[in-house]
Amino acid sequence: MNYNASIRGKRQRIVTVLDIGTSKVCCLIGKTTAIPEWAEGGGEAVQFDVLGFGHTRAEGLKAGMVTHLDTAEQCIRDAVDAAERMAGVVVEDVHLSVTAGRLKSDSFSAGVGLPSGSVREDDVQRLLAGGRQYAARDRRTVIHALPTDFRLDDNGGIAEPRGMCGERLSVDLHTVTADEAATRNLMLCVERCHLGVANLVAAPYASALSVVTPDEAKLGVANIDFGAGTTTLSVIADGHFLHADAIALGGNGVTIDIARTLGAPMEHAERLKTLHGSAFATLSDEREIITYPCVSGIAQGNINQITKAQLACVIRPRVEEILDLMRHRLAASGFPAEVAQHLVLTGGGSQLTG
């Protein structure tokens, strides 16, 4: 699995990552150092040392999409400024994580002839450019176009075709695209902060890179990331990122359910979820009492009570809905049932007990 394709070949450089979510905007600045990788296959590994980070509460954003340009811009400025101060560097461009724009995965094959009888760098680039052009139809922005298999003539399973002989080079591509308008507005927001966008990264891919082990990536695994406003799905198998999906439903939906059902202020509903929330009630939860203020009586100090088991009954339906949607999306992706049997759960919502 190519974890470091965008930063290989440079011995040392500063990399800034910007994650714009529904609940918070995060900025991370690090230094990458290329080091020899003496394992099978050779090449280079990349060491990443964190220099600074910053985060702020997200406003003007919903499910990773810009809803108020000025407000969202200020959130980005605050997060980047905090990271810059800690790192002691000035950021010029960022690698931007994307969840908005109805992420869509597509897999297809493309091929080109080899006039010289061998594979040159321009042949590979011509092949990949043709695949990206095809994926960019219907006003979609191509975030990733990742080769999963090269073929020379009728011979498949080729990891690196450059320099090899043949008459025709083909590739199986996995592309991830998003709505052009959504990604353009997100990039505009970043550019208004006097920052360039070095690269777009699909949030499901970034999530998988951070938590999936090499063995899991080889054997096949589905990664579900419970965000505040979105829940994303990524499928990794045979060392390749093969599928991505996202739904505009996440942990905030649970918080809203608690607030509406109990009549609690949103900040207290979030506190109930994070401190006492569970998707599965135990016998002891029937006896554990939780207190909280109600919206109508908060000024008078009115306090309500609920058992931990009752709170779990409020939380569970929304969690089941999200997981059921993910199950249907995974089934519709067409991947073998074995992949669905190996799940990695991450994100804030995954911290719920049960």
Protein backbone atom coordinates (compact mmCIF):
# COMPACT_ATOMS: atom_id res chain seq x y z
CA MET A 1 0.00 0.00 0.00
CA ASN A 2 1.59 3.26 -1.07
CA TYR A 3 1.45 5.34 2.09
CA ASN A 4 4.00 7.95 1.01
CA ALA A 5 3.76 8.37 -2.75
CA SER A 6 3.39 12.14 -2.61
CA ILE A 7 6.52 12.72 -0.53
CA ARG A 8 8.96 10.09 -1.78
CA GLY A 9 12.13 11.25 -3.48
CA LYS A 10 12.67 14.25 -1.20
CA ARG A 11 15.07 13.66 1.67
CA GLN A 12 13.43 16.15 3.99
CA ARG A 13 10.57 18.59 3.79
CA ILE A 14 7.86 20.30 5.83
CA VAL A 15 4.34 18.98 5.28
CA THR A 16 1.13 20.58 6.51
CA VAL A 17 -2.16 18.72 6.70
CA LEU A 18 -5.54 20.43 7.10
CA ASP A 19 -8.64 18.47 8.12
CA ILE A 20 -11.87 20.46 7.86
CA GLY A 21 -14.67 18.65 9.66
CA THR A 22 -18.11 19.40 11.04
CA SER A 23 -17.11 19.76 14.68
CA LYS A 24 -13.52 20.99 14.41
CA VAL A 25 -10.81 22.20 12.06
CA CYS A 26 -7.40 20.59 12.65
CA CYS A 27 -4.00 21.55 11.30
CA LEU A 28 -0.88 19.41 11.69
CA ILE A 29 2.64 20.44 10.69
CA GLY A 30 5.37 17.84 10.44
CA LYS A 31 8.78 17.14 8.99
CA THR A 32 9.18 14.15 6.70
CA THR A 33 12.53 12.44 6.37
CA ALA A 34 13.18 9.80 3.70
CA ILE A 35 15.10 6.82 5.07
CA PRO A 36 16.32 3.63 3.38
CA GLU A 37 13.87 0.76 3.58
CA TRP A 38 15.78 -2.50 3.59
CA ALA A 39 12.69 -4.71 3.65
CA GLU A 40 11.51 -6.71 0.64
CA GLY A 41 11.11 -4.45 -2.36
CA GLY A 42 13.70 -1.91 -1.24
CA GLY A 43 12.89 1.73 -1.89
CA GLU A 44 12.41 4.32 0.81
CA ALA A 45 10.32 4.67 3.93
CA VAL A 46 9.27 8.04 5.27
CA GLN A 47 9.56 9.12 8.89
CA PHE A 48 7.12 11.82 10.01
CA ASP A 49 7.96 14.01 13.02
CA VAL A 50 5.23 16.30 14.36
CA LEU A 51 6.37 19.90 14.79
CA GLY A 52 3.10 21.56 15.71
CA PHE A 53 -0.66 21.29 15.64
CA GLY A 54 -3.71 23.46 16.13
CA HIS A 55 -7.43 22.98 16.22
CA THR A 56 -10.53 25.08 16.65
CA ARG A 57 -14.26 24.59 16.77
CA ALA A 58 -15.70 24.44 13.26
CA GLU A 59 -18.23 27.07 12.25
CA GLY A 60 -19.59 27.82 8.80
CA LEU A 61 -19.14 24.16 7.89
CA LYS A 62 -21.45 21.17 7.70
CA ALA A 63 -20.42 17.62 6.79
CA GLY A 64 -17.12 19.01 5.50
CA MET A 65 -18.90 21.46 3.19
CA VAL A 66 -18.64 25.25 3.38
CA THR A 67 -21.91 26.90 4.44
CA HIS A 68 -20.53 30.34 5.40
CA LEU A 69 -17.33 31.39 3.65
CA ASP A 70 -16.15 34.14 6.03
CA THR A 71 -16.79 32.13 9.20
CA ALA A 72 -15.14 29.00 7.83
CA GLU A 73 -12.14 31.05 6.67
CA GLN A 74 -11.59 32.40 10.18
CA CYS A 75 -11.70 28.90 11.66
CA ILE A 76 -9.02 27.76 9.22
CA ARG A 77 -6.88 30.81 10.01
CA ASP A 78 -7.11 30.12 13.75
CA ALA A 79 -6.16 26.44 13.43
CA VAL A 80 -3.24 27.12 11.07
CA ASP A 81 -1.99 30.02 13.20
CA ALA A 82 -1.91 27.84 16.32
CA ALA A 83 0.02 25.13 14.47
CA GLU A 84 2.48 27.66 13.00
CA ARG A 85 3.20 29.15 16.42
CA MET A 86 3.94 25.74 17.91
CA ALA A 87 6.05 24.59 14.95
CA GLY A 88 7.89 27.87 14.48
CA VAL A 89 7.36 27.80 10.71
CA VAL A 90 5.23 29.67 8.19
CA VAL A 91 2.87 27.47 6.18
CA GLU A 92 2.67 28.05 2.44
CA ASP A 93 0.48 25.18 1.30
CA VAL A 94 -1.54 22.33 2.78
CA HIS A 95 -2.65 18.80 2.02
CA LEU A 96 -6.42 19.12 2.32
CA SER A 97 -8.67 16.32 3.56
CA VAL A 98 -12.03 16.13 1.74
CA THR A 99 -15.32 14.59 2.91
CA ALA A 100 -17.76 16.89 1.11
CA GLY A 101 -19.08 16.62 -2.42
CA ARG A 102 -20.68 13.18 -2.39
CA LEU A 103 -17.50 11.14 -2.61
CA LYS A 104 -17.74 8.47 -5.27
CA SER A 105 -15.52 5.48 -6.00
CA ASP A 106 -15.14 4.09 -9.49
CA SER A 107 -12.96 1.31 -10.90
CA PHE A 108 -12.17 0.87 -14.58
CA SER A 109 -9.42 -0.16 -16.98
CA ALA A 110 -7.46 1.96 -19.47
CA GLY A 111 -4.75 1.13 -21.97
CA VAL A 112 -2.24 2.69 -24.38
CA GLY A 113 0.01 1.37 -27.13
CA LEU A 114 3.80 1.32 -26.72
CA PRO A 115 5.37 2.68 -29.95
CA SER A 116 8.91 2.15 -28.65
CA GLY A 117 8.26 -1.44 -27.59
CA SER A 118 9.06 -0.69 -23.95
CA VAL A 119 7.41 1.23 -21.12
CA ARG A 120 8.72 4.75 -20.64
CA GLU A 121 7.74 7.30 -18.01
CA ASP A 122 5.71 9.31 -20.53
CA ASP A 123 3.73 6.16 -21.42
CA VAL A 124 2.74 5.68 -17.79
CA GLN A 125 1.83 9.35 -17.38
CA ARG A 126 -0.19 9.31 -20.62
CA LEU A 127 -2.09 6.26 -19.38
CA LEU A 128 -2.85 7.74 -15.96
CA ALA A 129 -3.81 11.12 -17.45
CA GLY A 130 -6.32 9.41 -19.72
CA GLY A 131 -7.83 7.65 -16.73
CA ARG A 132 -8.11 10.89 -14.76
CA GLN A 133 -9.72 12.64 -17.72
CA TYR A 134 -12.33 9.89 -17.98
CA ALA A 135 -13.06 10.05 -14.23
CA ALA A 136 -13.50 13.86 -14.35
CA ARG A 137 -16.67 13.67 -16.46
CA ASP A 138 -20.00 15.03 -15.14
CA ARG A 139 -18.37 18.00 -13.38
CA ARG A 140 -16.50 15.85 -10.87
CA THR A 141 -13.15 16.67 -9.27
CA VAL A 142 -10.69 13.77 -9.31
CA ILE A 143 -9.16 13.42 -5.85
CA HIS A 144 -7.34 10.14 -6.44
CA ALA A 145 -6.53 7.98 -9.46
CA LEU A 146 -4.68 5.03 -8.00
CA PRO A 147 -3.35 2.11 -10.06
CA THR A 148 -4.26 -1.25 -8.54
CA ASP A 149 -2.74 -3.46 -11.26
CA PHE A 150 -0.65 -2.97 -14.41
CA ARG A 151 -0.74 -5.35 -17.37
CA LEU A 152 1.69 -5.71 -20.26
CA ASP A 153 -0.06 -7.32 -23.22
CA ASP A 154 -1.83 -10.26 -21.53
CA ASN A 155 0.38 -10.44 -18.44
CA GLY A 156 -1.11 -8.98 -15.26
CA GLY A 157 0.07 -8.56 -11.69
CA ILE A 158 2.83 -6.10 -12.61
CA ALA A 159 3.65 -3.67 -9.81
CA GLU A 160 6.19 -1.50 -11.68
CA PRO A 161 6.06 -1.59 -15.50
CA ARG A 162 8.64 1.10 -16.28
CA GLY A 163 11.47 -0.24 -18.43
CA MET A 164 9.72 -3.50 -19.28
CA CYS A 165 9.03 -4.65 -22.86
CA GLY A 166 5.65 -5.02 -24.50
CA GLU A 167 3.27 -3.72 -27.14
CA ARG A 168 0.41 -2.48 -24.95
CA LEU A 169 0.26 -1.21 -21.38
CA SER A 170 -3.01 -1.41 -19.44
CA VAL A 171 -3.95 -0.42 -15.91
CA ASP A 172 -6.79 -1.03 -13.48
CA LEU A 173 -7.56 2.29 -11.81
CA HIS A 174 -9.46 3.14 -8.66
CA THR A 175 -10.63 6.75 -8.76
CA VAL A 176 -12.26 8.83 -6.04
CA THR A 177 -14.16 11.91 -7.17
CA ALA A 178 -16.26 14.64 -5.56
CA ASP A 179 -18.67 17.30 -6.76
CA GLU A 180 -16.71 20.11 -8.38
CA ALA A 181 -18.62 22.93 -6.66
CA ALA A 182 -18.15 21.51 -3.15
CA THR A 183 -14.41 20.96 -3.56
CA ARG A 184 -13.91 24.31 -5.29
CA ASN A 185 -15.58 26.19 -2.41
CA LEU A 186 -13.46 24.29 0.09
CA MET A 187 -10.30 25.19 -1.82
CA LEU A 188 -11.47 28.80 -2.17
CA CYS A 189 -11.84 29.00 1.59
CA VAL A 190 -8.26 27.79 2.04
CA GLU A 191 -6.90 30.10 -0.66
CA ARG A 192 -8.53 33.11 1.04
CA CYS A 193 -6.22 32.32 3.95
CA HIS A 194 -3.26 32.90 1.57
CA LEU A 195 -2.52 29.18 1.47
CA GLY A 196 -2.04 26.95 -1.53
CA VAL A 197 -3.62 23.51 -1.83
CA ALA A 198 -0.77 21.10 -2.54
CA ASN A 199 -2.95 18.04 -2.69
CA LEU A 200 -6.49 16.80 -2.06
CA VAL A 201 -6.89 13.65 0.02
CA ALA A 202 -10.16 11.76 0.43
CA ALA A 203 -10.91 11.55 4.15
CA PRO A 204 -11.69 7.80 4.03
CA TYR A 205 -8.25 7.17 2.50
CA ALA A 206 -6.48 9.33 5.09
CA SER A 207 -8.35 7.57 7.88
CA ALA A 208 -7.38 4.14 6.58
CA LEU A 209 -3.71 5.12 6.23
CA SER A 210 -3.64 6.16 9.89
CA VAL A 211 -5.18 3.05 11.45
CA VAL A 212 -4.95 0.04 9.10
CA THR A 213 -1.90 -2.17 9.64
CA PRO A 214 0.09 -3.60 6.71
CA ASP A 215 -1.22 -7.10 7.46
CA GLU A 216 -4.82 -5.88 7.50
CA ALA A 217 -4.25 -4.01 4.24
CA LYS A 218 -2.96 -7.19 2.64
CA LEU A 219 -5.67 -9.54 3.92
CA GLY A 220 -8.60 -7.16 3.39
CA VAL A 221 -10.38 -4.84 5.80
CA ALA A 222 -13.15 -2.24 5.88
CA ASN A 223 -12.46 0.94 7.85
CA ILE A 224 -15.43 2.92 9.24
CA ASP A 225 -14.69 6.41 10.56
CA PHE A 226 -17.44 7.93 12.74
CA GLY A 227 -17.06 11.68 12.35
CA ALA A 228 -19.30 14.38 13.77
CA GLY A 229 -21.18 15.18 10.56
CA THR A 230 -20.13 12.32 8.27
CA THR A 231 -19.33 8.65 8.55
CA THR A 232 -16.89 7.36 5.96
CA LEU A 233 -16.10 3.91 4.63
CA SER A 234 -12.91 2.68 3.00
CA VAL A 235 -12.01 -0.79 1.76
CA ILE A 236 -8.40 -1.94 1.65
CA ALA A 237 -7.37 -5.30 0.16
CA ASP A 238 -4.26 -6.79 -1.42
CA GLY A 239 -2.37 -3.71 -0.26
CA HIS A 240 -4.53 -1.32 -2.29
CA PHE A 241 -7.16 1.30 -1.49
CA LEU A 242 -10.11 -0.09 -3.46
CA HIS A 243 -13.27 1.71 -2.36
CA ALA A 244 -14.48 4.84 -0.57
CA ASP A 245 -17.91 6.04 0.49
CA ALA A 246 -19.46 8.54 2.89
CA ILE A 247 -22.83 9.38 4.40
CA ALA A 248 -23.86 12.76 5.82
CA LEU A 249 -24.67 11.34 9.24
CA GLY A 250 -22.41 11.03 12.25
CA GLY A 251 -21.98 11.60 15.95
CA ASN A 252 -23.79 14.94 15.88
CA GLY A 253 -26.95 13.03 15.00
CA VAL A 254 -26.65 11.17 18.31
CA THR A 255 -26.15 14.44 20.18
CA ILE A 256 -29.24 15.98 18.56
CA ASP A 257 -31.30 12.88 19.45
CA ILE A 258 -30.27 13.21 23.10
CA ALA A 259 -31.02 16.95 23.16
CA ARG A 260 -34.46 16.52 21.59
CA THR A 261 -35.50 13.47 23.61
CA LEU A 262 -34.35 14.77 26.99
CA GLY A 263 -34.92 18.48 26.38
CA ALA A 264 -31.29 19.17 27.27
CA PRO A 265 -29.09 21.98 25.90
CA MET A 266 -26.81 20.83 23.07
CA GLU A 267 -23.60 21.26 25.07
CA HIS A 268 -25.01 19.14 27.90
CA ALA A 269 -26.30 16.55 25.42
CA GLU A 270 -22.77 16.28 24.01
CA ARG A 271 -21.42 15.89 27.53
CA LEU A 272 -23.94 13.14 28.30
CA LYS A 273 -22.91 11.32 25.14
CA THR A 274 -19.16 11.52 25.68
CA LEU A 275 -19.10 10.83 29.44
CA HIS A 276 -22.00 8.42 29.91
CA GLY A 277 -23.07 7.37 26.42
CA SER A 278 -23.33 3.76 25.35
CA ALA A 279 -24.96 1.85 22.52
CA PHE A 280 -25.55 -1.13 24.79
CA ALA A 281 -27.02 -1.08 28.30
CA THR A 282 -25.84 -3.42 31.06
CA LEU A 283 -27.72 -4.45 34.21
CA SER A 284 -25.73 -2.01 36.33
CA ASP A 285 -26.76 0.85 34.01
CA GLU A 286 -30.34 0.48 35.28
CA ARG A 287 -29.19 1.69 38.70
CA GLU A 288 -26.78 4.45 37.64
CA ILE A 289 -28.45 7.87 37.76
CA ILE A 290 -27.27 10.81 35.63
CA THR A 291 -28.37 14.40 36.22
CA TYR A 292 -28.64 17.12 33.59
CA PRO A 293 -30.29 20.55 33.18
CA CYS A 294 -33.29 20.98 30.90
CA VAL A 295 -33.53 23.77 28.32
CA SER A 296 -36.66 25.39 29.75
CA GLY A 297 -35.36 25.42 33.30
CA ILE A 298 -31.66 26.02 32.87
CA ALA A 299 -31.88 29.65 34.05
CA GLN A 300 -33.71 28.52 37.23
CA GLY A 301 -31.29 25.65 37.78
CA ASN A 302 -33.87 22.91 37.18
CA ILE A 303 -32.23 19.49 37.11
CA ASN A 304 -33.57 16.33 35.51
CA GLN A 305 -32.53 12.73 36.02
CA ILE A 306 -32.14 9.73 33.75
CA THR A 307 -30.60 6.30 34.15
CA LYS A 308 -27.61 5.31 32.06
CA ALA A 309 -29.74 2.52 30.56
CA GLN A 310 -32.38 5.03 29.42
CA LEU A 311 -29.65 7.13 27.81
CA ALA A 312 -28.44 4.06 25.93
CA CYS A 313 -31.98 3.55 24.60
CA VAL A 314 -31.84 7.06 23.12
CA ILE A 315 -28.41 6.53 21.56
CA ARG A 316 -28.74 3.02 20.17
CA PRO A 317 -31.26 3.60 17.31
CA ARG A 318 -29.07 6.25 15.62
CA VAL A 319 -25.93 4.14 15.94
CA GLU A 320 -27.78 1.17 14.48
CA GLU A 321 -29.01 3.35 11.60
CA ILE A 322 -25.46 4.49 10.77
CA LEU A 323 -24.05 0.97 10.93
CA ASP A 324 -26.94 -0.40 8.86
CA LEU A 325 -26.29 2.22 6.17
CA MET A 326 -22.61 1.30 6.18
CA ARG A 327 -23.50 -2.39 5.90
CA HIS A 328 -25.67 -1.70 2.84
CA ARG A 329 -22.98 0.50 1.25
CA LEU A 330 -20.36 -2.18 1.83
CA ALA A 331 -22.62 -4.88 0.38
CA ALA A 332 -23.35 -2.69 -2.66
CA SER A 333 -19.61 -2.20 -3.27
CA GLY A 334 -19.39 -5.80 -4.47
CA PHE A 335 -16.45 -6.84 -2.33
CA PRO A 336 -16.29 -10.36 -0.86
CA ALA A 337 -18.06 -11.06 2.42
CA GLU A 338 -14.67 -11.75 4.02
CA VAL A 339 -13.87 -8.03 3.88
CA ALA A 340 -17.01 -7.14 5.85
CA GLN A 341 -15.96 -9.60 8.54
CA HIS A 342 -12.84 -7.56 9.28
CA LEU A 343 -13.74 -4.06 10.43
CA VAL A 344 -11.69 -1.23 11.90
CA LEU A 345 -13.73 1.40 13.73
CA THR A 346 -12.28 4.85 14.33
CA GLY A 347 -13.40 8.45 14.86
CA GLY A 348 -15.06 10.08 17.85
CA GLY A 349 -18.33 8.17 17.48
CA SER A 350 -16.52 4.84 17.74
CA GLN A 351 -15.58 5.61 21.35
CA LEU A 352 -19.12 4.86 22.51
CA THR A 353 -19.22 1.76 24.69
CA GLY A 354 -20.93 -1.20 23.01
